[in-house]
Amino acid sequence: MVVNLTSGDVIAIRLASEMNQKQFAEHVGISQSFLSDLENGRRKVSPYFVGKLTRKVDTGDPDLQERIRRLSAVADF
């Protein structure tokens, strides 16, 4: 299964995880500047990053999924 994430998806996942950019970048194992570039659309979300993200963030958690859904519904990414 191919997972395509947008910069808005990355922001929603980070916000739902209740972390700032620095915390989230450290948690996922990337630099804060790389995360900032992803969130601001200066870099595309690669399959490699999606792999890192899915190993570090439990997006199967119903609470996290609901927070992401709510953030996505009200945010203008």
PDB file of N, CA and C in Angstrom:
ATOM      1  N   MET A   1       0.839  -1.178   0.000  1.00  0.00           N
ATOM      2  CA  MET A   1       0.000   0.000   0.000  1.00  0.00           C
ATOM      3  C   MET A   1       0.889   1.248   0.000  1.00  0.00           C
ATOM      4  N   VAL A   2       0.601   2.180  -0.878  1.00  0.00           N
ATOM      5  CA  VAL A   2       1.340   3.427  -0.962  1.00  0.00           C
ATOM      6  C   VAL A   2       0.622   4.478  -0.134  1.00  0.00           C
ATOM      7  N   VAL A   3       1.385   5.145   0.719  1.00  0.00           N
ATOM      8  CA  VAL A   3       0.822   6.202   1.550  1.00  0.00           C
ATOM      9  C   VAL A   3       1.373   7.527   1.050  1.00  0.00           C
ATOM     10  N   ASN A   4       0.499   8.403   0.616  1.00  0.00           N
ATOM     11  CA  ASN A   4       0.908   9.735   0.188  1.00  0.00           C
ATOM     12  C   ASN A   4       0.524  10.733   1.259  1.00  0.00           C
ATOM     13  N   LEU A   5       1.496  11.451   1.762  1.00  0.00           N
ATOM     14  CA  LEU A   5       1.241  12.475   2.767  1.00  0.00           C
ATOM     15  C   LEU A   5       1.578  13.839   2.187  1.00  0.00           C
ATOM     16  N   THR A   6       0.805  14.820   2.564  1.00  0.00           N
ATOM     17  CA  THR A   6       1.088  16.194   2.177  1.00  0.00           C
ATOM     18  C   THR A   6       1.793  16.893   3.337  1.00  0.00           C
ATOM     19  N   SER A   7       2.260  18.095   3.089  1.00  0.00           N
ATOM     20  CA  SER A   7       2.859  18.874   4.172  1.00  0.00           C
ATOM     21  C   SER A   7       1.815  19.122   5.267  1.00  0.00           C
ATOM     22  N   GLY A   8       0.563  19.317   4.866  1.00  0.00           N
ATOM     23  CA  GLY A   8      -0.505  19.502   5.852  1.00  0.00           C
ATOM     24  C   GLY A   8      -0.722  18.279   6.719  1.00  0.00           C
ATOM     25  N   ASP A   9      -0.568  17.096   6.111  1.00  0.00           N
ATOM     26  CA  ASP A   9      -0.686  15.853   6.886  1.00  0.00           C
ATOM     27  C   ASP A   9       0.410  15.778   7.944  1.00  0.00           C
ATOM     28  N   VAL A  10       1.622  16.150   7.557  1.00  0.00           N
ATOM     29  CA  VAL A  10       2.753  16.110   8.495  1.00  0.00           C
ATOM     30  C   VAL A  10       2.492  17.068   9.656  1.00  0.00           C
ATOM     31  N   ILE A  11       2.010  18.261   9.325  1.00  0.00           N
ATOM     32  CA  ILE A  11       1.694  19.232  10.380  1.00  0.00           C
ATOM     33  C   ILE A  11       0.612  18.679  11.298  1.00  0.00           C
ATOM     34  N   ALA A  12      -0.440  18.117  10.720  1.00  0.00           N
ATOM     35  CA  ALA A  12      -1.541  17.579  11.524  1.00  0.00           C
ATOM     36  C   ALA A  12      -1.063  16.461  12.445  1.00  0.00           C
ATOM     37  N   ILE A  13      -0.208  15.594  11.932  1.00  0.00           N
ATOM     38  CA  ILE A  13       0.314  14.495  12.759  1.00  0.00           C
ATOM     39  C   ILE A  13       1.168  15.049  13.889  1.00  0.00           C
ATOM     40  N   ARG A  14       2.015  16.035  13.579  1.00  0.00           N
ATOM     41  CA  ARG A  14       2.855  16.633  14.626  1.00  0.00           C
ATOM     42  C   ARG A  14       1.990  17.309  15.682  1.00  0.00           C
ATOM     43  N   LEU A  15       1.025  18.106  15.252  1.00  0.00           N
ATOM     44  CA  LEU A  15       0.168  18.807  16.218  1.00  0.00           C
ATOM     45  C   LEU A  15      -0.664  17.832  17.039  1.00  0.00           C
ATOM     46  N   ALA A  16      -1.156  16.792  16.398  1.00  0.00           N
ATOM     47  CA  ALA A  16      -1.932  15.789  17.131  1.00  0.00           C
ATOM     48  C   ALA A  16      -1.062  15.041  18.128  1.00  0.00           C
ATOM     49  N   SER A  17       0.220  14.951  17.827  1.00  0.00           N
ATOM     50  CA  SER A  17       1.165  14.311  18.751  1.00  0.00           C
ATOM     51  C   SER A  17       1.548  15.244  19.892  1.00  0.00           C
ATOM     52  N   GLU A  18       1.067  16.487  19.809  1.00  0.00           N
ATOM     53  CA  GLU A  18       1.308  17.498  20.839  1.00  0.00           C
ATOM     54  C   GLU A  18       2.791  17.759  21.067  1.00  0.00           C
ATOM     55  N   MET A  19       3.516  17.920  19.954  1.00  0.00           N
ATOM     56  CA  MET A  19       4.942  18.230  20.010  1.00  0.00           C
ATOM     57  C   MET A  19       5.223  19.452  19.150  1.00  0.00           C
ATOM     58  N   ASN A  20       6.236  20.224  19.576  1.00  0.00           N
ATOM     59  CA  ASN A  20       6.684  21.304  18.709  1.00  0.00           C
ATOM     60  C   ASN A  20       7.607  20.718  17.643  1.00  0.00           C
ATOM     61  N   GLN A  21       8.064  21.549  16.713  1.00  0.00           N
ATOM     62  CA  GLN A  21       8.894  21.020  15.623  1.00  0.00           C
ATOM     63  C   GLN A  21      10.154  20.340  16.133  1.00  0.00           C
ATOM     64  N   LYS A  22      10.817  20.959  17.078  1.00  0.00           N
ATOM     65  CA  LYS A  22      12.069  20.391  17.581  1.00  0.00           C
ATOM     66  C   LYS A  22      11.829  19.023  18.224  1.00  0.00           C
ATOM     67  N   GLN A  23      10.822  18.913  19.070  1.00  0.00           N
ATOM     68  CA  GLN A  23      10.507  17.650  19.738  1.00  0.00           C
ATOM     69  C   GLN A  23      10.135  16.568  18.726  1.00  0.00           C
ATOM     70  N   PHE A  24       9.278  16.937  17.767  1.00  0.00           N
ATOM     71  CA  PHE A  24       8.816  15.965  16.786  1.00  0.00           C
ATOM     72  C   PHE A  24       9.960  15.498  15.898  1.00  0.00           C
ATOM     73  N   ALA A  25      10.807  16.424  15.472  1.00  0.00           N
ATOM     74  CA  ALA A  25      11.952  16.068  14.632  1.00  0.00           C
ATOM     75  C   ALA A  25      12.869  15.095  15.371  1.00  0.00           C
ATOM     76  N   GLU A  26      13.155  15.380  16.625  1.00  0.00           N
ATOM     77  CA  GLU A  26      13.995  14.483  17.419  1.00  0.00           C
ATOM     78  C   GLU A  26      13.326  13.117  17.573  1.00  0.00           C
ATOM     79  N   HIS A  27      12.035  13.108  17.805  1.00  0.00           N
ATOM     80  CA  HIS A  27      11.286  11.859  17.988  1.00  0.00           C
ATOM     81  C   HIS A  27      11.344  10.996  16.728  1.00  0.00           C
ATOM     82  N   VAL A  28      11.187  11.633  15.565  1.00  0.00           N
ATOM     83  CA  VAL A  28      11.170  10.900  14.299  1.00  0.00           C
ATOM     84  C   VAL A  28      12.588  10.565  13.831  1.00  0.00           C
ATOM     85  N   GLY A  29      13.566  11.373  14.229  1.00  0.00           N
ATOM     86  CA  GLY A  29      14.954  11.117  13.836  1.00  0.00           C
ATOM     87  C   GLY A  29      15.408  11.919  12.625  1.00  0.00           C
ATOM     88  N   ILE A  30      14.896  13.145  12.523  1.00  0.00           N
ATOM     89  CA  ILE A  30      15.305  14.055  11.451  1.00  0.00           C
ATOM     90  C   ILE A  30      15.668  15.391  12.081  1.00  0.00           C
ATOM     91  N   SER A  31      16.240  16.281  11.290  1.00  0.00           N
ATOM     92  CA  SER A  31      16.570  17.602  11.824  1.00  0.00           C
ATOM     93  C   SER A  31      15.330  18.487  11.811  1.00  0.00           C
ATOM     94  N   GLN A  32      15.343  19.492  12.676  1.00  0.00           N
ATOM     95  CA  GLN A  32      14.229  20.418  12.713  1.00  0.00           C
ATOM     96  C   GLN A  32      14.128  21.180  11.398  1.00  0.00           C
ATOM     97  N   SER A  33      15.261  21.514  10.788  1.00  0.00           N
ATOM     98  CA  SER A  33      15.219  22.253   9.523  1.00  0.00           C
ATOM     99  C   SER A  33      14.594  21.403   8.418  1.00  0.00           C
ATOM    100  N   PHE A  34      14.875  20.095   8.418  1.00  0.00           N
ATOM    101  CA  PHE A  34      14.257  19.206   7.432  1.00  0.00           C
ATOM    102  C   PHE A  34      12.745  19.165   7.636  1.00  0.00           C
ATOM    103  N   LEU A  35      12.321  19.048   8.892  1.00  0.00           N
ATOM    104  CA  LEU A  35      10.888  19.031   9.203  1.00  0.00           C
ATOM    105  C   LEU A  35      10.241  20.342   8.776  1.00  0.00           C
ATOM    106  N   SER A  36      10.887  21.443   9.058  1.00  0.00           N
ATOM    107  CA  SER A  36      10.363  22.739   8.652  1.00  0.00           C
ATOM    108  C   SER A  36      10.202  22.815   7.135  1.00  0.00           C
ATOM    109  N   ASP A  37      11.201  22.319   6.408  1.00  0.00           N
ATOM    110  CA  ASP A  37      11.112  22.298   4.943  1.00  0.00           C
ATOM    111  C   ASP A  37       9.939  21.445   4.474  1.00  0.00           C
ATOM    112  N   LEU A  38       9.713  20.303   5.108  1.00  0.00           N
ATOM    113  CA  LEU A  38       8.572  19.451   4.757  1.00  0.00           C
ATOM    114  C   LEU A  38       7.257  20.182   5.009  1.00  0.00           C
ATOM    115  N   GLU A  39       7.141  20.772   6.192  1.00  0.00           N
ATOM    116  CA  GLU A  39       5.895  21.424   6.573  1.00  0.00           C
ATOM    117  C   GLU A  39       5.601  22.655   5.726  1.00  0.00           C
ATOM    118  N   ASN A  40       6.630  23.295   5.227  1.00  0.00           N
ATOM    119  CA  ASN A  40       6.451  24.504   4.422  1.00  0.00           C
ATOM    120  C   ASN A  40       6.467  24.239   2.926  1.00  0.00           C
ATOM    121  N   GLY A  41       6.486  22.959   2.545  1.00  0.00           N
ATOM    122  CA  GLY A  41       6.408  22.597   1.140  1.00  0.00           C
ATOM    123  C   GLY A  41       7.682  22.805   0.346  1.00  0.00           C
ATOM    124  N   ARG A  42       8.791  23.052   1.029  1.00  0.00           N
ATOM    125  CA  ARG A  42      10.071  23.216   0.327  1.00  0.00           C
ATOM    126  C   ARG A  42      10.695  21.871  -0.031  1.00  0.00           C
ATOM    127  N   ARG A  43      10.223  20.821   0.615  1.00  0.00           N
ATOM    128  CA  ARG A  43      10.623  19.442   0.312  1.00  0.00           C
ATOM    129  C   ARG A  43       9.366  18.603   0.184  1.00  0.00           C
ATOM    130  N   LYS A  44       9.439  17.600  -0.658  1.00  0.00           N
ATOM    131  CA  LYS A  44       8.317  16.671  -0.803  1.00  0.00           C
ATOM    132  C   LYS A  44       8.437  15.592   0.266  1.00  0.00           C
ATOM    133  N   VAL A  45       7.296  15.077   0.680  1.00  0.00           N
ATOM    134  CA  VAL A  45       7.267  13.995   1.663  1.00  0.00           C
ATOM    135  C   VAL A  45       7.614  12.707   0.920  1.00  0.00           C
ATOM    136  N   SER A  46       8.783  12.172   1.203  1.00  0.00           N
ATOM    137  CA  SER A  46       9.278  10.986   0.496  1.00  0.00           C
ATOM    138  C   SER A  46       8.791   9.702   1.169  1.00  0.00           C
ATOM    139  N   PRO A  47       8.810   8.600   0.424  1.00  0.00           N
ATOM    140  CA  PRO A  47       8.474   7.303   1.035  1.00  0.00           C
ATOM    141  C   PRO A  47       9.406   6.974   2.209  1.00  0.00           C
ATOM    142  N   TYR A  48      10.670   7.396   2.125  1.00  0.00           N
ATOM    143  CA  TYR A  48      11.621   7.166   3.216  1.00  0.00           C
ATOM    144  C   TYR A  48      11.139   7.861   4.493  1.00  0.00           C
ATOM    145  N   PHE A  49      10.706   9.126   4.361  1.00  0.00           N
ATOM    146  CA  PHE A  49      10.216   9.853   5.528  1.00  0.00           C
ATOM    147  C   PHE A  49       8.945   9.207   6.070  1.00  0.00           C
ATOM    148  N   VAL A  50       8.037   8.808   5.186  1.00  0.00           N
ATOM    149  CA  VAL A  50       6.798   8.147   5.622  1.00  0.00           C
ATOM    150  C   VAL A  50       7.145   6.891   6.418  1.00  0.00           C
ATOM    151  N   GLY A  51       8.159   6.148   5.962  1.00  0.00           N
ATOM    152  CA  GLY A  51       8.599   4.957   6.691  1.00  0.00           C
ATOM    153  C   GLY A  51       9.095   5.296   8.084  1.00  0.00           C
ATOM    154  N   LYS A  52       9.928   6.335   8.190  1.00  0.00           N
ATOM    155  CA  LYS A  52      10.420   6.768   9.503  1.00  0.00           C
ATOM    156  C   LYS A  52       9.259   7.194  10.391  1.00  0.00           C
ATOM    157  N   LEU A  53       8.349   7.930   9.794  1.00  0.00           N
ATOM    158  CA  LEU A  53       7.220   8.446  10.548  1.00  0.00           C
ATOM    159  C   LEU A  53       6.345   7.318  11.075  1.00  0.00           C
ATOM    160  N   THR A  54       6.031   6.353  10.239  1.00  0.00           N
ATOM    161  CA  THR A  54       5.142   5.271  10.667  1.00  0.00           C
ATOM    162  C   THR A  54       5.797   4.354  11.698  1.00  0.00           C
ATOM    163  N   ARG A  55       7.126   4.299  11.717  1.00  0.00           N
ATOM    164  CA  ARG A  55       7.796   3.494  12.742  1.00  0.00           C
ATOM    165  C   ARG A  55       7.831   4.215  14.084  1.00  0.00           C
ATOM    166  N   LYS A  56       7.789   5.544  14.068  1.00  0.00           N
ATOM    167  CA  LYS A  56       7.941   6.318  15.306  1.00  0.00           C
ATOM    168  C   LYS A  56       6.637   6.850  15.886  1.00  0.00           C
ATOM    169  N   VAL A  57       5.612   7.017  15.042  1.00  0.00           N
ATOM    170  CA  VAL A  57       4.356   7.596  15.500  1.00  0.00           C
ATOM    171  C   VAL A  57       3.262   6.564  15.314  1.00  0.00           C
ATOM    172  N   ASP A  58       2.546   6.286  16.377  1.00  0.00           N
ATOM    173  CA  ASP A  58       1.479   5.291  16.316  1.00  0.00           C
ATOM    174  C   ASP A  58       0.212   5.922  15.753  1.00  0.00           C
ATOM    175  N   THR A  59       0.133   5.979  14.424  1.00  0.00           N
ATOM    176  CA  THR A  59      -1.053   6.564  13.797  1.00  0.00           C
ATOM    177  C   THR A  59      -2.231   5.600  13.843  1.00  0.00           C
ATOM    178  N   GLY A  60      -2.018   4.399  14.375  1.00  0.00           N
ATOM    179  CA  GLY A  60      -3.111   3.459  14.587  1.00  0.00           C
ATOM    180  C   GLY A  60      -3.857   3.730  15.892  1.00  0.00           C
ATOM    181  N   ASP A  61      -3.324   4.648  16.686  1.00  0.00           N
ATOM    182  CA  ASP A  61      -3.939   5.035  17.947  1.00  0.00           C
ATOM    183  C   ASP A  61      -5.226   5.816  17.649  1.00  0.00           C
ATOM    184  N   PRO A  62      -6.384   5.317  18.086  1.00  0.00           N
ATOM    185  CA  PRO A  62      -7.646   5.988  17.779  1.00  0.00           C
ATOM    186  C   PRO A  62      -7.702   7.442  18.242  1.00  0.00           C
ATOM    187  N   ASP A  63      -7.117   7.754  19.404  1.00  0.00           N
ATOM    188  CA  ASP A  63      -7.100   9.136  19.886  1.00  0.00           C
ATOM    189  C   ASP A  63      -6.323  10.032  18.931  1.00  0.00           C
ATOM    190  N   LEU A  64      -5.148   9.565  18.505  1.00  0.00           N
ATOM    191  CA  LEU A  64      -4.332  10.337  17.577  1.00  0.00           C
ATOM    192  C   LEU A  64      -5.052  10.496  16.244  1.00  0.00           C
ATOM    193  N   GLN A  65      -5.663   9.447  15.755  1.00  0.00           N
ATOM    194  CA  GLN A  65      -6.410   9.525  14.499  1.00  0.00           C
ATOM    195  C   GLN A  65      -7.529  10.559  14.593  1.00  0.00           C
ATOM    196  N   GLU A  66      -8.230  10.577  15.702  1.00  0.00           N
ATOM    197  CA  GLU A  66      -9.321  11.539  15.877  1.00  0.00           C
ATOM    198  C   GLU A  66      -8.786  12.964  15.946  1.00  0.00           C
ATOM    199  N   ARG A  67      -7.673  13.179  16.646  1.00  0.00           N
ATOM    200  CA  ARG A  67      -7.081  14.524  16.714  1.00  0.00           C
ATOM    201  C   ARG A  67      -6.629  14.977  15.335  1.00  0.00           C
ATOM    202  N   ILE A  68      -6.022  14.066  14.557  1.00  0.00           N
ATOM    203  CA  ILE A  68      -5.596  14.397  13.195  1.00  0.00           C
ATOM    204  C   ILE A  68      -6.822  14.758  12.353  1.00  0.00           C
ATOM    205  N   ARG A  69      -7.886  13.975  12.473  1.00  0.00           N
ATOM    206  CA  ARG A  69      -9.105  14.244  11.706  1.00  0.00           C
ATOM    207  C   ARG A  69      -9.680  15.617  12.049  1.00  0.00           C
ATOM    208  N   ARG A  70      -9.736  15.935  13.337  1.00  0.00           N
ATOM    209  CA  ARG A  70     -10.271  17.225  13.741  1.00  0.00           C
ATOM    210  C   ARG A  70      -9.385  18.378  13.276  1.00  0.00           C
ATOM    211  N   LEU A  71      -8.064  18.218  13.413  1.00  0.00           N
ATOM    212  CA  LEU A  71      -7.146  19.262  12.958  1.00  0.00           C
ATOM    213  C   LEU A  71      -7.275  19.475  11.457  1.00  0.00           C
ATOM    214  N   SER A  72      -7.352  18.396  10.704  1.00  0.00           N
ATOM    215  CA  SER A  72      -7.459  18.490   9.253  1.00  0.00           C
ATOM    216  C   SER A  72      -8.752  19.161   8.831  1.00  0.00           C
ATOM    217  N   ALA A  73      -9.811  18.957   9.602  1.00  0.00           N
ATOM    218  CA  ALA A  73     -11.111  19.509   9.251  1.00  0.00           C
ATOM    219  C   ALA A  73     -11.158  21.024   9.452  1.00  0.00           C
ATOM    220  N   VAL A  74     -10.408  21.539  10.402  1.00  0.00           N
ATOM    221  CA  VAL A  74     -10.492  22.972  10.698  1.00  0.00           C
ATOM    222  C   VAL A  74      -9.292  23.779  10.204  1.00  0.00           C
ATOM    223  N   ALA A  75      -8.212  23.109   9.881  1.00  0.00           N
ATOM    224  CA  ALA A  75      -6.997  23.821   9.481  1.00  0.00           C
ATOM    225  C   ALA A  75      -6.985  24.078   7.987  1.00  0.00           C
ATOM    226  N   ASP A  76      -6.353  25.147   7.613  1.00  0.00           N
ATOM    227  CA  ASP A  76      -6.182  25.475   6.195  1.00  0.00           C
ATOM    228  C   ASP A  76      -4.722  25.285   5.850  1.00  0.00           C
ATOM    229  N   PHE A  77      -4.362  24.040   5.525  1.00  0.00           N
ATOM    230  CA  PHE A  77      -2.965  23.722   5.226  1.00  0.00           C
ATOM    231  C   PHE A  77      -2.689  24.052   3.805  1.00  0.00           C
TER     232      PHE A  77
END
